[in-house]
Amino acid sequence: MKFLALCFIVLLACSINTASARICGMNLYKVLFNVCPSGCSIEDPSFASKLCAFSFSKEEIKEMCCPTE
């Protein structure tokens, strides 16, 4: 019984992380195109994950993505 409870807690924690990552991705998309209307110049596929993991300000995002705008 303890094993089933532990499995349930682990599955619940995994689903919460997935949902929060999805919400961060949607919010990040909106912020990026408000800050840099022409898009981001960084082609690193893990850049969005880094932005979601660390709380960057809009000014920092602008410096990283579109410093010429």
C-alpha atoms as a PDB file:
ATOM      1  CA  MET A   1       0.000   0.000   0.000  1.00  0.00           C
ATOM      2  CA  LYS A   2       2.846   2.391   0.799  1.00  0.00           C
ATOM      3  CA  PHE A   3       4.343   1.654  -2.618  1.00  0.00           C
ATOM      4  CA  LEU A   4       1.097   2.634  -4.360  1.00  0.00           C
ATOM      5  CA  ALA A   5       0.878   5.835  -2.344  1.00  0.00           C
ATOM      6  CA  LEU A   6       4.482   6.680  -3.223  1.00  0.00           C
ATOM      7  CA  CYS A   7       3.830   6.005  -6.931  1.00  0.00           C
ATOM      8  CA  PHE A   8       0.758   8.241  -6.796  1.00  0.00           C
ATOM      9  CA  ILE A   9       2.739  11.087  -5.219  1.00  0.00           C
ATOM     10  CA  VAL A  10       5.516  10.768  -7.807  1.00  0.00           C
ATOM     11  CA  LEU A  11       3.021  10.769 -10.691  1.00  0.00           C
ATOM     12  CA  LEU A  12       1.242  13.772  -9.218  1.00  0.00           C
ATOM     13  CA  ALA A  13       4.516  15.676  -8.851  1.00  0.00           C
ATOM     14  CA  CYS A  14       5.462  14.902 -12.460  1.00  0.00           C
ATOM     15  CA  SER A  15       2.130  16.122 -13.795  1.00  0.00           C
ATOM     16  CA  ILE A  16       2.392  19.359 -11.806  1.00  0.00           C
ATOM     17  CA  ASN A  17       5.873  20.047 -13.220  1.00  0.00           C
ATOM     18  CA  THR A  18       4.626  19.449 -16.764  1.00  0.00           C
ATOM     19  CA  ALA A  19       1.686  21.804 -16.291  1.00  0.00           C
ATOM     20  CA  SER A  20       3.838  24.570 -14.820  1.00  0.00           C
ATOM     21  CA  ALA A  21       6.350  24.203 -17.659  1.00  0.00           C
ATOM     22  CA  ARG A  22       3.517  24.523 -20.169  1.00  0.00           C
ATOM     23  CA  ILE A  23       2.239  27.680 -18.457  1.00  0.00           C
ATOM     24  CA  CYS A  24       5.742  29.160 -18.389  1.00  0.00           C
ATOM     25  CA  GLY A  25       6.168  28.425 -22.093  1.00  0.00           C
ATOM     26  CA  MET A  26       2.935  30.207 -22.995  1.00  0.00           C
ATOM     27  CA  ASN A  27       3.800  33.225 -20.850  1.00  0.00           C
ATOM     28  CA  LEU A  28       7.349  33.270 -22.213  1.00  0.00           C
ATOM     29  CA  TYR A  29       6.049  33.348 -25.794  1.00  0.00           C
ATOM     30  CA  LYS A  30       3.886  36.394 -24.994  1.00  0.00           C
ATOM     31  CA  VAL A  31       6.698  38.224 -23.190  1.00  0.00           C
ATOM     32  CA  LEU A  32       9.250  37.505 -25.928  1.00  0.00           C
ATOM     33  CA  PHE A  33       7.098  38.958 -28.674  1.00  0.00           C
ATOM     34  CA  ASN A  34       6.180  41.979 -26.543  1.00  0.00           C
ATOM     35  CA  VAL A  35       9.852  42.670 -25.828  1.00  0.00           C
ATOM     36  CA  CYS A  36      11.236  41.646 -29.247  1.00  0.00           C
ATOM     37  CA  PRO A  37       8.491  41.964 -31.892  1.00  0.00           C
ATOM     38  CA  SER A  38      10.794  40.737 -34.663  1.00  0.00           C
ATOM     39  CA  GLY A  39      11.682  37.601 -32.685  1.00  0.00           C
ATOM     40  CA  CYS A  40      14.654  36.342 -30.762  1.00  0.00           C
ATOM     41  CA  SER A  41      18.077  36.127 -32.394  1.00  0.00           C
ATOM     42  CA  ILE A  42      19.209  33.198 -30.206  1.00  0.00           C
ATOM     43  CA  GLU A  43      18.945  29.776 -31.854  1.00  0.00           C
ATOM     44  CA  ASP A  44      19.782  27.689 -28.764  1.00  0.00           C
ATOM     45  CA  PRO A  45      16.981  25.099 -28.323  1.00  0.00           C
ATOM     46  CA  SER A  46      17.403  25.134 -24.534  1.00  0.00           C
ATOM     47  CA  PHE A  47      17.059  28.922 -24.284  1.00  0.00           C
ATOM     48  CA  ALA A  48      13.339  28.786 -23.440  1.00  0.00           C
ATOM     49  CA  SER A  49      14.020  26.258 -20.684  1.00  0.00           C
ATOM     50  CA  LYS A  50      16.698  28.532 -19.246  1.00  0.00           C
ATOM     51  CA  LEU A  51      14.319  31.491 -19.303  1.00  0.00           C
ATOM     52  CA  CYS A  52      11.667  29.433 -17.513  1.00  0.00           C
ATOM     53  CA  ALA A  53      14.141  28.098 -14.954  1.00  0.00           C
ATOM     54  CA  PHE A  54      15.595  31.500 -14.041  1.00  0.00           C
ATOM     55  CA  SER A  55      13.529  34.636 -13.574  1.00  0.00           C
ATOM     56  CA  PHE A  56      14.935  37.132 -16.046  1.00  0.00           C
ATOM     57  CA  SER A  57      13.568  40.652 -16.273  1.00  0.00           C
ATOM     58  CA  LYS A  58      12.224  42.041 -19.535  1.00  0.00           C
ATOM     59  CA  GLU A  59      15.354  44.177 -19.863  1.00  0.00           C
ATOM     60  CA  GLU A  60      17.603  41.129 -19.494  1.00  0.00           C
ATOM     61  CA  ILE A  61      15.564  39.211 -22.059  1.00  0.00           C
ATOM     62  CA  LYS A  62      15.826  42.142 -24.458  1.00  0.00           C
ATOM     63  CA  GLU A  63      19.628  42.297 -24.007  1.00  0.00           C
ATOM     64  CA  MET A  64      19.927  38.574 -24.730  1.00  0.00           C
ATOM     65  CA  CYS A  65      17.437  38.247 -27.589  1.00  0.00           C
ATOM     66  CA  CYS A  66      17.333  41.499 -29.493  1.00  0.00           C
ATOM     67  CA  PRO A  67      20.035  43.929 -28.361  1.00  0.00           C
ATOM     68  CA  THR A  68      19.701  46.043 -31.528  1.00  0.00           C
ATOM     69  CA  GLU A  69      16.017  46.915 -31.015  1.00  0.00           C
END
